[in-house]
PDB file of all heavy atoms in Angstrom:
ATOM      1  N   GLU A   1     -11.195   6.279  11.281  1.00  0.00           N
ATOM      2  CA  GLU A   1     -11.029   4.900  10.825  1.00  0.00           C
ATOM      3  C   GLU A   1     -10.832   4.938   9.322  1.00  0.00           C
ATOM      4  O   GLU A   1     -11.680   5.443   8.592  1.00  0.00           O
ATOM      5  CB  GLU A   1     -12.253   4.062  11.201  1.00  0.00           C
ATOM      6  CG  GLU A   1     -12.090   2.585  10.893  1.00  0.00           C
ATOM      7  CD  GLU A   1     -13.245   1.756  11.414  1.00  0.00           C
ATOM      8  OE1 GLU A   1     -14.251   1.631  10.686  1.00  0.00           O
ATOM      9  OE2 GLU A   1     -13.164   1.260  12.548  1.00  0.00           O
ATOM     10  N   LEU A   2      -9.718   4.399   8.872  1.00  0.00           N
ATOM     11  CA  LEU A   2      -9.288   4.577   7.482  1.00  0.00           C
ATOM     12  C   LEU A   2      -9.539   3.334   6.640  1.00  0.00           C
ATOM     13  O   LEU A   2      -9.318   2.210   7.079  1.00  0.00           O
ATOM     14  CB  LEU A   2      -7.810   4.950   7.449  1.00  0.00           C
ATOM     15  CG  LEU A   2      -7.210   5.232   6.060  1.00  0.00           C
ATOM     16  CD1 LEU A   2      -6.347   6.493   6.104  1.00  0.00           C
ATOM     17  CD2 LEU A   2      -6.371   4.053   5.578  1.00  0.00           C
ATOM     18  N   PHE A   3     -10.013   3.585   5.416  1.00  0.00           N
ATOM     19  CA  PHE A   3     -10.130   2.573   4.364  1.00  0.00           C
ATOM     20  C   PHE A   3      -9.286   3.051   3.197  1.00  0.00           C
ATOM     21  O   PHE A   3      -9.409   4.197   2.746  1.00  0.00           O
ATOM     22  CB  PHE A   3     -11.596   2.425   3.930  1.00  0.00           C
ATOM     23  CG  PHE A   3     -11.799   1.570   2.702  1.00  0.00           C
ATOM     24  CD1 PHE A   3     -12.071   0.211   2.811  1.00  0.00           C
ATOM     25  CD2 PHE A   3     -11.728   2.119   1.429  1.00  0.00           C
ATOM     26  CE1 PHE A   3     -12.263  -0.573   1.683  1.00  0.00           C
ATOM     27  CE2 PHE A   3     -11.921   1.351   0.283  1.00  0.00           C
ATOM     28  CZ  PHE A   3     -12.192  -0.002   0.416  1.00  0.00           C
ATOM     29  N   CYS A   4      -8.413   2.181   2.699  1.00  0.00           N
ATOM     30  CA  CYS A   4      -7.532   2.552   1.594  1.00  0.00           C
ATOM     31  C   CYS A   4      -7.480   1.403   0.601  1.00  0.00           C
ATOM     32  O   CYS A   4      -7.221   0.259   0.980  1.00  0.00           O
ATOM     33  CB  CYS A   4      -6.140   2.868   2.136  1.00  0.00           C
ATOM     34  SG  CYS A   4      -4.944   3.374   0.884  1.00  0.00           S
ATOM     35  N   LYS A   5      -7.732   1.705  -0.660  1.00  0.00           N
ATOM     36  CA  LYS A   5      -7.726   0.688  -1.704  1.00  0.00           C
ATOM     37  C   LYS A   5      -6.990   1.241  -2.924  1.00  0.00           C
ATOM     38  O   LYS A   5      -7.228   2.372  -3.334  1.00  0.00           O
ATOM     39  CB  LYS A   5      -9.165   0.313  -2.084  1.00  0.00           C
ATOM     40  CG  LYS A   5      -9.292  -0.715  -3.202  1.00  0.00           C
ATOM     41  CD  LYS A   5     -10.764  -0.990  -3.510  1.00  0.00           C
ATOM     42  CE  LYS A   5     -10.941  -1.925  -4.682  1.00  0.00           C
ATOM     43  NZ  LYS A   5     -12.371  -2.182  -4.994  1.00  0.00           N
ATOM     44  N   TRP A   6      -6.089   0.429  -3.475  1.00  0.00           N
ATOM     45  CA  TRP A   6      -5.314   0.891  -4.623  1.00  0.00           C
ATOM     46  C   TRP A   6      -5.317  -0.153  -5.732  1.00  0.00           C
ATOM     47  O   TRP A   6      -5.593  -1.322  -5.522  1.00  0.00           O
ATOM     48  CB  TRP A   6      -3.881   1.229  -4.211  1.00  0.00           C
ATOM     49  CG  TRP A   6      -3.129   0.116  -3.566  1.00  0.00           C
ATOM     50  CD1 TRP A   6      -2.360  -0.844  -4.166  1.00  0.00           C
ATOM     51  CD2 TRP A   6      -3.059  -0.174  -2.152  1.00  0.00           C
ATOM     52  NE1 TRP A   6      -1.826  -1.700  -3.241  1.00  0.00           N
ATOM     53  CE2 TRP A   6      -2.234  -1.316  -1.987  1.00  0.00           C
ATOM     54  CE3 TRP A   6      -3.617   0.423  -1.024  1.00  0.00           C
ATOM     55  CZ2 TRP A   6      -1.956  -1.856  -0.741  1.00  0.00           C
ATOM     56  CZ3 TRP A   6      -3.345  -0.117   0.218  1.00  0.00           C
ATOM     57  CH2 TRP A   6      -2.526  -1.238   0.354  1.00  0.00           C
ATOM     58  N   SER A   7      -4.977   0.316  -6.922  1.00  0.00           N
ATOM     59  CA  SER A   7      -4.990  -0.531  -8.111  1.00  0.00           C
ATOM     60  C   SER A   7      -3.569  -0.835  -8.562  1.00  0.00           C
ATOM     61  O   SER A   7      -2.727   0.065  -8.663  1.00  0.00           O
ATOM     62  CB  SER A   7      -5.749   0.179  -9.246  1.00  0.00           C
ATOM     63  OG  SER A   7      -5.527  -0.488 -10.480  1.00  0.00           O
ATOM     64  N   TYR A   8      -3.327  -2.123  -8.840  1.00  0.00           N
ATOM     65  CA  TYR A   8      -2.090  -2.550  -9.482  1.00  0.00           C
ATOM     66  C   TYR A   8      -2.271  -2.693 -10.991  1.00  0.00           C
ATOM     67  O   TYR A   8      -1.310  -2.890 -11.724  1.00  0.00           O
ATOM     68  CB  TYR A   8      -1.641  -3.904  -8.938  1.00  0.00           C
ATOM     69  CG  TYR A   8      -1.101  -3.892  -7.534  1.00  0.00           C
ATOM     70  CD1 TYR A   8      -1.676  -4.662  -6.536  1.00  0.00           C
ATOM     71  CD2 TYR A   8       0.013  -3.126  -7.204  1.00  0.00           C
ATOM     72  CE1 TYR A   8      -1.167  -4.679  -5.250  1.00  0.00           C
ATOM     73  CE2 TYR A   8       0.525  -3.133  -5.919  1.00  0.00           C
ATOM     74  CZ  TYR A   8      -0.066  -3.913  -4.945  1.00  0.00           C
ATOM     75  OH  TYR A   8       0.447  -3.914  -3.675  1.00  0.00           O
ATOM     76  N   GLY A   9      -3.520  -2.666 -11.461  1.00  0.00           N
ATOM     77  CA  GLY A   9      -3.766  -2.886 -12.871  1.00  0.00           C
ATOM     78  C   GLY A   9      -3.481  -4.314 -13.274  1.00  0.00           C
ATOM     79  O   GLY A   9      -3.774  -5.262 -12.545  1.00  0.00           O
ATOM     80  N   GLU A  10      -2.880  -4.498 -14.440  1.00  0.00           N
ATOM     81  CA  GLU A  10      -2.604  -5.836 -14.960  1.00  0.00           C
ATOM     82  C   GLU A  10      -1.300  -6.418 -14.432  1.00  0.00           C
ATOM     83  O   GLU A  10      -0.988  -7.573 -14.700  1.00  0.00           O
ATOM     84  CB  GLU A  10      -2.544  -5.790 -16.490  1.00  0.00           C
ATOM     85  CG  GLU A  10      -3.829  -5.321 -17.145  1.00  0.00           C
ATOM     86  CD  GLU A  10      -3.699  -5.233 -18.654  1.00  0.00           C
ATOM     87  OE1 GLU A  10      -3.008  -6.104 -19.230  1.00  0.00           O
ATOM     88  OE2 GLU A  10      -4.271  -4.305 -19.248  1.00  0.00           O
ATOM     89  N   CYS A  11      -0.530  -5.637 -13.696  1.00  0.00           N
ATOM     90  CA  CYS A  11       0.769  -6.104 -13.222  1.00  0.00           C
ATOM     91  C   CYS A  11       0.582  -7.026 -12.019  1.00  0.00           C
ATOM     92  O   CYS A  11      -0.062  -6.651 -11.038  1.00  0.00           O
ATOM     93  CB  CYS A  11       1.650  -4.916 -12.841  1.00  0.00           C
ATOM     94  SG  CYS A  11       1.946  -3.767 -14.211  1.00  0.00           S
ATOM     95  N   THR A  12       1.140  -8.223 -12.084  1.00  0.00           N
ATOM     96  CA  THR A  12       0.888  -9.218 -11.040  1.00  0.00           C
ATOM     97  C   THR A  12       2.166  -9.867 -10.520  1.00  0.00           C
ATOM     98  O   THR A  12       2.088 -10.841  -9.780  1.00  0.00           O
ATOM     99  CB  THR A  12      -0.035 -10.322 -11.588  1.00  0.00           C
ATOM    100  OG1 THR A  12       0.596 -10.940 -12.722  1.00  0.00           O
ATOM    101  CG2 THR A  12      -1.384  -9.764 -11.980  1.00  0.00           C
ATOM    102  N   ASP A  13       3.335  -9.353 -10.877  1.00  0.00           N
ATOM    103  CA  ASP A  13       4.577 -10.010 -10.478  1.00  0.00           C
ATOM    104  C   ASP A  13       5.351  -9.178  -9.461  1.00  0.00           C
ATOM    105  O   ASP A  13       6.579  -9.141  -9.468  1.00  0.00           O
ATOM    106  CB  ASP A  13       5.453 -10.294 -11.701  1.00  0.00           C
ATOM    107  CG  ASP A  13       5.772  -9.028 -12.494  1.00  0.00           C
ATOM    108  OD1 ASP A  13       5.141  -7.982 -12.214  1.00  0.00           O
ATOM    109  OD2 ASP A  13       6.657  -9.086 -13.364  1.00  0.00           O
ATOM    110  N   PHE A  14       4.631  -8.500  -8.563  1.00  0.00           N
ATOM    111  CA  PHE A  14       5.266  -7.652  -7.571  1.00  0.00           C
ATOM    112  C   PHE A  14       5.518  -8.415  -6.272  1.00  0.00           C
ATOM    113  O   PHE A  14       4.961  -9.495  -6.048  1.00  0.00           O
ATOM    114  CB  PHE A  14       4.385  -6.435  -7.260  1.00  0.00           C
ATOM    115  CG  PHE A  14       4.115  -5.548  -8.440  1.00  0.00           C
ATOM    116  CD1 PHE A  14       2.855  -5.003  -8.629  1.00  0.00           C
ATOM    117  CD2 PHE A  14       5.108  -5.244  -9.349  1.00  0.00           C
ATOM    118  CE1 PHE A  14       2.589  -4.171  -9.697  1.00  0.00           C
ATOM    119  CE2 PHE A  14       4.857  -4.419 -10.429  1.00  0.00           C
ATOM    120  CZ  PHE A  14       3.593  -3.881 -10.612  1.00  0.00           C
ATOM    121  N   ASP A  15       6.337  -7.822  -5.412  1.00  0.00           N
ATOM    122  CA  ASP A  15       6.498  -8.302  -4.040  1.00  0.00           C
ATOM    123  C   ASP A  15       5.370  -7.673  -3.227  1.00  0.00           C
ATOM    124  O   ASP A  15       5.510  -6.592  -2.659  1.00  0.00           O
ATOM    125  CB  ASP A  15       7.867  -7.891  -3.485  1.00  0.00           C
ATOM    126  CG  ASP A  15       8.127  -8.467  -2.097  1.00  0.00           C
ATOM    127  OD1 ASP A  15       7.150  -8.807  -1.396  1.00  0.00           O
ATOM    128  OD2 ASP A  15       9.303  -8.548  -1.706  1.00  0.00           O
ATOM    129  N   PHE A  16       4.229  -8.366  -3.174  1.00  0.00           N
ATOM    130  CA  PHE A  16       3.027  -7.770  -2.588  1.00  0.00           C
ATOM    131  C   PHE A  16       3.183  -7.493  -1.094  1.00  0.00           C
ATOM    132  O   PHE A  16       2.673  -6.482  -0.600  1.00  0.00           O
ATOM    133  CB  PHE A  16       1.825  -8.685  -2.829  1.00  0.00           C
ATOM    134  CG  PHE A  16       1.473  -8.848  -4.275  1.00  0.00           C
ATOM    135  CD1 PHE A  16       1.560 -10.088  -4.893  1.00  0.00           C
ATOM    136  CD2 PHE A  16       1.059  -7.762  -5.031  1.00  0.00           C
ATOM    137  CE1 PHE A  16       1.224 -10.239  -6.231  1.00  0.00           C
ATOM    138  CE2 PHE A  16       0.740  -7.905  -6.365  1.00  0.00           C
ATOM    139  CZ  PHE A  16       0.816  -9.150  -6.971  1.00  0.00           C
ATOM    140  N   ASP A  17       3.882  -8.357  -0.370  1.00  0.00           N
ATOM    141  CA  ASP A  17       4.091  -8.116   1.054  1.00  0.00           C
ATOM    142  C   ASP A  17       4.873  -6.824   1.282  1.00  0.00           C
ATOM    143  O   ASP A  17       4.517  -6.001   2.134  1.00  0.00           O
ATOM    144  CB  ASP A  17       4.860  -9.283   1.686  1.00  0.00           C
ATOM    145  CG  ASP A  17       3.987 -10.516   1.885  1.00  0.00           C
ATOM    146  OD1 ASP A  17       2.749 -10.374   1.867  1.00  0.00           O
ATOM    147  OD2 ASP A  17       4.548 -11.616   2.050  1.00  0.00           O
ATOM    148  N   CYS A  18       5.924  -6.645   0.503  1.00  0.00           N
ATOM    149  CA  CYS A  18       6.768  -5.464   0.647  1.00  0.00           C
ATOM    150  C   CYS A  18       5.994  -4.193   0.304  1.00  0.00           C
ATOM    151  O   CYS A  18       6.073  -3.191   1.031  1.00  0.00           O
ATOM    152  CB  CYS A  18       8.008  -5.595  -0.234  1.00  0.00           C
ATOM    153  SG  CYS A  18       9.126  -4.187  -0.161  1.00  0.00           S
ATOM    154  N   ILE A  19       5.246  -4.214  -0.785  1.00  0.00           N
ATOM    155  CA  ILE A  19       4.489  -3.034  -1.205  1.00  0.00           C
ATOM    156  C   ILE A  19       3.419  -2.684  -0.182  1.00  0.00           C
ATOM    157  O   ILE A  19       3.237  -1.511   0.185  1.00  0.00           O
ATOM    158  CB  ILE A  19       3.863  -3.255  -2.594  1.00  0.00           C
ATOM    159  CG1 ILE A  19       4.958  -3.401  -3.654  1.00  0.00           C
ATOM    160  CG2 ILE A  19       2.926  -2.104  -2.956  1.00  0.00           C
ATOM    161  CD1 ILE A  19       4.429  -3.789  -5.014  1.00  0.00           C
ATOM    162  N   TRP A  20       2.698  -3.702   0.306  1.00  0.00           N
ATOM    163  CA  TRP A  20       1.648  -3.432   1.285  1.00  0.00           C
ATOM    164  C   TRP A  20       2.224  -2.798   2.546  1.00  0.00           C
ATOM    165  O   TRP A  20       1.684  -1.821   3.077  1.00  0.00           O
ATOM    166  CB  TRP A  20       0.911  -4.728   1.628  1.00  0.00           C
ATOM    167  CG  TRP A  20      -0.329  -4.506   2.442  1.00  0.00           C
ATOM    168  CD1 TRP A  20      -1.583  -4.265   1.983  1.00  0.00           C
ATOM    169  CD2 TRP A  20      -0.417  -4.499   3.878  1.00  0.00           C
ATOM    170  NE1 TRP A  20      -2.459  -4.109   3.036  1.00  0.00           N
ATOM    171  CE2 TRP A  20      -1.770  -4.251   4.205  1.00  0.00           C
ATOM    172  CE3 TRP A  20       0.501  -4.689   4.908  1.00  0.00           C
ATOM    173  CZ2 TRP A  20      -2.212  -4.179   5.533  1.00  0.00           C
ATOM    174  CZ3 TRP A  20       0.064  -4.610   6.227  1.00  0.00           C
ATOM    175  CH2 TRP A  20      -1.280  -4.359   6.517  1.00  0.00           C
ATOM    176  N   SER A  21       3.335  -3.323   3.027  1.00  0.00           N
ATOM    177  CA  SER A  21       3.975  -2.762   4.223  1.00  0.00           C
ATOM    178  C   SER A  21       4.447  -1.331   3.979  1.00  0.00           C
ATOM    179  O   SER A  21       4.328  -0.468   4.853  1.00  0.00           O
ATOM    180  CB  SER A  21       5.155  -3.643   4.653  1.00  0.00           C
ATOM    181  OG  SER A  21       4.721  -4.929   5.027  1.00  0.00           O
ATOM    182  N   LYS A  22       4.972  -1.079   2.780  1.00  0.00           N
ATOM    183  CA  LYS A  22       5.455   0.260   2.457  1.00  0.00           C
ATOM    184  C   LYS A  22       4.304   1.261   2.404  1.00  0.00           C
ATOM    185  O   LYS A  22       4.422   2.389   2.886  1.00  0.00           O
ATOM    186  CB  LYS A  22       6.194   0.229   1.114  1.00  0.00           C
ATOM    187  CG  LYS A  22       6.920   1.518   0.773  1.00  0.00           C
ATOM    188  CD  LYS A  22       7.765   1.352  -0.475  1.00  0.00           C
ATOM    189  CE  LYS A  22       8.539   2.628  -0.799  1.00  0.00           C
ATOM    190  NZ  LYS A  22       9.368   2.469  -2.020  1.00  0.00           N
ATOM    191  N   ILE A  23       3.177   0.850   1.839  1.00  0.00           N
ATOM    192  CA  ILE A  23       2.014   1.739   1.781  1.00  0.00           C
ATOM    193  C   ILE A  23       1.483   2.020   3.179  1.00  0.00           C
ATOM    194  O   ILE A  23       1.114   3.147   3.514  1.00  0.00           O
ATOM    195  CB  ILE A  23       0.929   1.130   0.877  1.00  0.00           C
ATOM    196  CG1 ILE A  23       1.390   1.176  -0.585  1.00  0.00           C
ATOM    197  CG2 ILE A  23      -0.407   1.867   1.037  1.00  0.00           C
ATOM    198  CD1 ILE A  23       0.451   0.509  -1.557  1.00  0.00           C
ATOM    199  N   ARG A  24       1.446   0.984   4.020  1.00  0.00           N
ATOM    200  CA  ARG A  24       1.003   1.195   5.397  1.00  0.00           C
ATOM    201  C   ARG A  24       1.912   2.184   6.109  1.00  0.00           C
ATOM    202  O   ARG A  24       1.455   3.055   6.857  1.00  0.00           O
ATOM    203  CB  ARG A  24       0.969  -0.145   6.146  1.00  0.00           C
ATOM    204  CG  ARG A  24       0.334  -0.061   7.531  1.00  0.00           C
ATOM    205  CD  ARG A  24       0.288  -1.432   8.183  1.00  0.00           C
ATOM    206  NE  ARG A  24      -0.354  -1.364   9.476  1.00  0.00           N
ATOM    207  CZ  ARG A  24       0.251  -0.987  10.600  1.00  0.00           C
ATOM    208  NH1 ARG A  24       1.523  -0.635  10.555  1.00  0.00           N
ATOM    209  NH2 ARG A  24      -0.406  -0.947  11.744  1.00  0.00           N
ATOM    210  N   GLU A  25       3.219   2.084   5.894  1.00  0.00           N
ATOM    211  CA  GLU A  25       4.157   3.030   6.483  1.00  0.00           C
ATOM    212  C   GLU A  25       3.912   4.441   5.979  1.00  0.00           C
ATOM    213  O   GLU A  25       3.989   5.413   6.747  1.00  0.00           O
ATOM    214  CB  GLU A  25       5.591   2.606   6.172  1.00  0.00           C
ATOM    215  CG  GLU A  25       6.040   1.346   6.890  1.00  0.00           C
ATOM    216  CD  GLU A  25       7.403   0.865   6.424  1.00  0.00           C
ATOM    217  OE1 GLU A  25       8.009   1.559   5.559  1.00  0.00           O
ATOM    218  OE2 GLU A  25       7.867  -0.195   6.896  1.00  0.00           O
ATOM    219  N   CYS A  26       3.586   4.575   4.687  1.00  0.00           N
ATOM    220  CA  CYS A  26       3.271   5.893   4.125  1.00  0.00           C
ATOM    221  C   CYS A  26       2.035   6.496   4.783  1.00  0.00           C
ATOM    222  O   CYS A  26       1.990   7.704   5.061  1.00  0.00           O
ATOM    223  CB  CYS A  26       3.054   5.786   2.615  1.00  0.00           C
ATOM    224  SG  CYS A  26       4.551   5.527   1.643  1.00  0.00           S
ATOM    225  N   ILE A  27       1.014   5.658   5.009  1.00  0.00           N
ATOM    226  CA  ILE A  27      -0.207   6.133   5.653  1.00  0.00           C
ATOM    227  C   ILE A  27       0.115   6.688   7.037  1.00  0.00           C
ATOM    228  O   ILE A  27      -0.320   7.797   7.400  1.00  0.00           O
ATOM    229  CB  ILE A  27      -1.239   4.992   5.758  1.00  0.00           C
ATOM    230  CG1 ILE A  27      -1.745   4.607   4.364  1.00  0.00           C
ATOM    231  CG2 ILE A  27      -2.407   5.402   6.650  1.00  0.00           C
ATOM    232  CD1 ILE A  27      -2.588   3.348   4.351  1.00  0.00           C
ATOM    233  N   LEU A  28       0.885   5.939   7.817  1.00  0.00           N
ATOM    234  CA  LEU A  28       1.214   6.374   9.172  1.00  0.00           C
ATOM    235  C   LEU A  28       2.076   7.633   9.156  1.00  0.00           C
ATOM    236  O   LEU A  28       1.867   8.552   9.965  1.00  0.00           O
ATOM    237  CB  LEU A  28       1.937   5.247   9.911  1.00  0.00           C
ATOM    238  CG  LEU A  28       1.184   3.922  10.026  1.00  0.00           C
ATOM    239  CD1 LEU A  28       1.988   2.915  10.847  1.00  0.00           C
ATOM    240  CD2 LEU A  28      -0.195   4.116  10.636  1.00  0.00           C
ATOM    241  N   GLU A  29       3.021   7.694   8.236  1.00  0.00           N
ATOM    242  CA  GLU A  29       3.899   8.864   8.141  1.00  0.00           C
ATOM    243  C   GLU A  29       3.120  10.111   7.752  1.00  0.00           C
ATOM    244  O   GLU A  29       3.289  11.179   8.351  1.00  0.00           O
ATOM    245  CB  GLU A  29       5.014   8.591   7.131  1.00  0.00           C
ATOM    246  CG  GLU A  29       5.952   9.773   6.907  1.00  0.00           C
ATOM    247  CD  GLU A  29       6.972   9.507   5.812  1.00  0.00           C
ATOM    248  OE1 GLU A  29       7.170   8.330   5.451  1.00  0.00           O
ATOM    249  OE2 GLU A  29       7.573  10.488   5.310  1.00  0.00           O
ATOM    250  N   ALA A  30       2.266   9.983   6.740  1.00  0.00           N
ATOM    251  CA  ALA A  30       1.514  11.145   6.265  1.00  0.00           C
ATOM    252  C   ALA A  30       0.491  11.611   7.301  1.00  0.00           C
ATOM    253  O   ALA A  30       0.242  12.815   7.440  1.00  0.00           O
ATOM    254  CB  ALA A  30       0.811  10.802   4.955  1.00  0.00           C
ATOM    255  N   PHE A  31      -0.097  10.682   8.024  1.00  0.00           N
ATOM    256  CA  PHE A  31      -1.089  11.054   9.035  1.00  0.00           C
ATOM    257  C   PHE A  31      -0.450  11.786  10.206  1.00  0.00           C
ATOM    258  O   PHE A  31      -0.978  12.796  10.682  1.00  0.00           O
ATOM    259  CB  PHE A  31      -1.809   9.800   9.545  1.00  0.00           C
ATOM    260  CG  PHE A  31      -2.844  10.075  10.598  1.00  0.00           C
ATOM    261  CD1 PHE A  31      -4.145  10.395  10.243  1.00  0.00           C
ATOM    262  CD2 PHE A  31      -2.520  10.011  11.951  1.00  0.00           C
ATOM    263  CE1 PHE A  31      -5.102  10.656  11.211  1.00  0.00           C
ATOM    264  CE2 PHE A  31      -3.466  10.270  12.919  1.00  0.00           C
ATOM    265  CZ  PHE A  31      -4.763  10.596  12.555  1.00  0.00           C
ATOM    266  N   SER A  32       0.685  11.301  10.658  1.00  0.00           N
ATOM    267  CA  SER A  32       1.241  11.801  11.910  1.00  0.00           C
ATOM    268  C   SER A  32       2.279  12.902  11.743  1.00  0.00           C
ATOM    269  O   SER A  32       2.410  13.770  12.616  1.00  0.00           O
ATOM    270  CB  SER A  32       1.880  10.633  12.682  1.00  0.00           C
ATOM    271  OG  SER A  32       2.873  10.000  11.896  1.00  0.00           O
TER     272      SER A  32
END
């Protein structure tokens, strides 16, 4: 069971939905 937390720092003008989905895809790719 995985817990993953990352820092964006002071940057707040990102496409958060896109980044979150991309990180989730990275987790699945790296695991499998």
